[in-house]
Each structure stands twice: as structure tokens, then as C-alpha cells.
Amino acid sequence: MALTSDSVAKLAALARLDLTADELAHLAPQIDVIIEAVAGVAAVQGEDITPTSHSVPMTNVTRDDVCEPTNWQVLRPLLAADAPAWEDDRFATPRILEGEQ
């Protein structure tokens, strides 16, 4: 089945592409080649082959999400050293809203 320039123009309109007549004539045979290649792949697929997303088995490598206590005595000086301002064991920031406590 050969695509016509009119068929490509309909596809271009659906994709919201503004193509000239020369571009439509140039693309029609190229899209035909793509359609034939996809049809060739579909023809190879057998009924006994299950669809896959990867060619090899994939396993997710993760660790358990475990909460552990933080050594605040060690962490506090490190945080304070990197903070532009530190007050009462907290980051100090400029007030951005008037009248708020």
C-alpha cells in the first residue's frame, strides 16, 4: 500500500505540522518504508512468544528502607558550619512575612 501526499497531509494535520507540497511528496515514500519495516517485525512475532519490555531479565537492586537514629552530637557542628546563620540548634533565616512570630 503506497501512501499518497493526501494521506501524509492528513497525518501532518493530526500532528499539527505545516508541510509544503514538496515535503509531503518527499515524505510519502519514506513513511511507506517505515510502515513496511514495522509490518515485517509484526509478521515475525509468533503466538508462543510473550511480549517483553527488555531483552534480558531485569531485577531491581535496592536496599531496605530502614530508619536509623542520627548521631545529633556529630551532625550538629557539621550543619552549623555549612549554615549561613545558626540559632538555637536551627537554621536561622530572614523573616519574610510581616507581623508573624
Protein backbone atom coordinates (compact mmCIF):
# COMPACT_ATOMS: atom_id res chain seq x y z
CA MET A 1 0.00 0.00 0.00
CA ALA A 2 1.58 3.26 -1.10
CA LEU A 3 0.84 6.39 0.85
CA THR A 4 -0.29 9.40 -1.14
CA SER A 5 0.56 13.00 -0.44
CA ASP A 6 -3.06 13.45 0.71
CA SER A 7 -2.64 10.68 3.32
CA VAL A 8 0.57 12.27 4.57
CA ALA A 9 -1.16 15.65 4.67
CA LYS A 10 -3.86 14.17 6.93
CA LEU A 11 -1.20 12.70 9.21
CA ALA A 12 0.65 16.02 9.25
CA ALA A 13 -2.56 17.85 10.16
CA LEU A 14 -3.16 15.43 13.05
CA ALA A 15 0.40 16.06 14.24
CA ARG A 16 -0.14 19.81 13.72
CA LEU A 17 2.70 20.03 11.22
CA ASP A 18 2.57 22.57 8.44
CA LEU A 19 4.24 20.86 5.46
CA THR A 20 4.66 22.12 1.93
CA ALA A 21 3.57 20.07 -1.10
CA ASP A 22 7.22 19.22 -1.82
CA GLU A 23 7.72 17.98 1.75
CA LEU A 24 4.55 15.87 1.55
CA ALA A 25 5.71 14.27 -1.71
CA HIS A 26 9.17 13.65 -0.24
CA LEU A 27 7.85 12.10 3.00
CA ALA A 28 5.24 9.76 1.50
CA PRO A 29 7.71 7.12 0.23
CA GLN A 30 9.80 7.38 3.41
CA ILE A 31 6.78 6.72 5.62
CA ASP A 32 5.91 3.75 3.37
CA VAL A 33 9.34 2.24 4.12
CA ILE A 34 8.78 2.71 7.87
CA ILE A 35 5.33 1.08 7.71
CA GLU A 36 6.76 -1.90 5.79
CA ALA A 37 9.55 -2.32 8.37
CA VAL A 38 7.06 -2.32 11.25
CA ALA A 39 4.85 -4.80 9.40
CA GLY A 40 7.88 -7.05 8.91
CA VAL A 41 8.58 -7.06 12.66
CA ALA A 42 4.92 -7.80 13.41
CA ALA A 43 5.00 -10.74 10.98
CA VAL A 44 7.89 -12.35 12.86
CA GLN A 45 6.06 -12.38 16.17
CA GLY A 46 4.74 -15.83 16.99
CA GLU A 47 1.80 -16.81 19.12
CA ASP A 48 4.03 -18.58 21.65
CA ILE A 49 6.24 -15.55 22.28
CA THR A 50 5.19 -13.35 25.19
CA PRO A 51 5.74 -9.60 24.88
CA THR A 52 8.63 -8.21 26.93
CA SER A 53 9.91 -4.77 27.75
CA HIS A 54 13.56 -5.88 27.93
CA SER A 55 15.60 -8.43 26.05
CA VAL A 56 17.14 -9.81 29.25
CA PRO A 57 15.55 -10.38 32.68
CA MET A 58 15.70 -7.30 34.87
CA THR A 59 15.88 -7.22 38.66
CA ASN A 60 15.63 -4.12 40.76
CA VAL A 61 18.63 -3.71 43.05
CA THR A 62 17.50 -1.83 46.13
CA ARG A 63 18.14 -1.91 49.84
CA ASP A 64 15.59 -1.99 52.62
CA ASP A 65 14.37 1.42 53.74
CA VAL A 66 15.36 1.39 57.41
CA CYS A 67 15.13 4.33 59.81
CA GLU A 68 18.23 4.68 61.93
CA PRO A 69 18.90 7.14 64.72
CA THR A 70 21.00 10.15 63.83
CA ASN A 71 24.05 10.99 65.87
CA TRP A 72 22.99 14.59 66.53
CA GLN A 73 26.18 15.32 68.53
CA VAL A 74 28.26 14.67 65.40
CA LEU A 75 25.81 16.12 62.89
CA ARG A 76 25.08 19.44 64.65
CA PRO A 77 28.54 21.04 64.22
CA LEU A 78 28.67 19.93 60.56
CA LEU A 79 25.30 21.52 59.83
CA ALA A 80 26.15 24.68 61.75
CA ALA A 81 29.43 25.05 59.86
CA ASP A 82 27.63 24.98 56.50
CA ALA A 83 24.73 27.20 57.54
CA PRO A 84 24.84 30.92 56.74
CA ALA A 85 23.16 31.56 60.10
CA TRP A 86 22.54 29.20 63.04
CA GLU A 87 20.43 29.91 66.12
CA ASP A 88 19.17 27.59 68.89
CA ASP A 89 20.24 24.43 67.03
CA ARG A 90 18.31 25.50 63.91
CA PHE A 91 18.98 27.24 60.65
CA ALA A 92 18.26 30.95 61.02
CA THR A 93 16.59 32.63 58.06
CA PRO A 94 15.46 36.19 57.45
CA ARG A 95 11.81 36.91 58.25
CA ILE A 96 9.81 37.13 55.03
CA LEU A 97 6.32 37.89 56.37
CA GLU A 98 5.50 40.93 58.44
CA GLY A 99 3.72 40.50 61.78
CA GLU A 100 4.31 36.74 62.05
CA GLN A 101 6.07 35.26 65.06
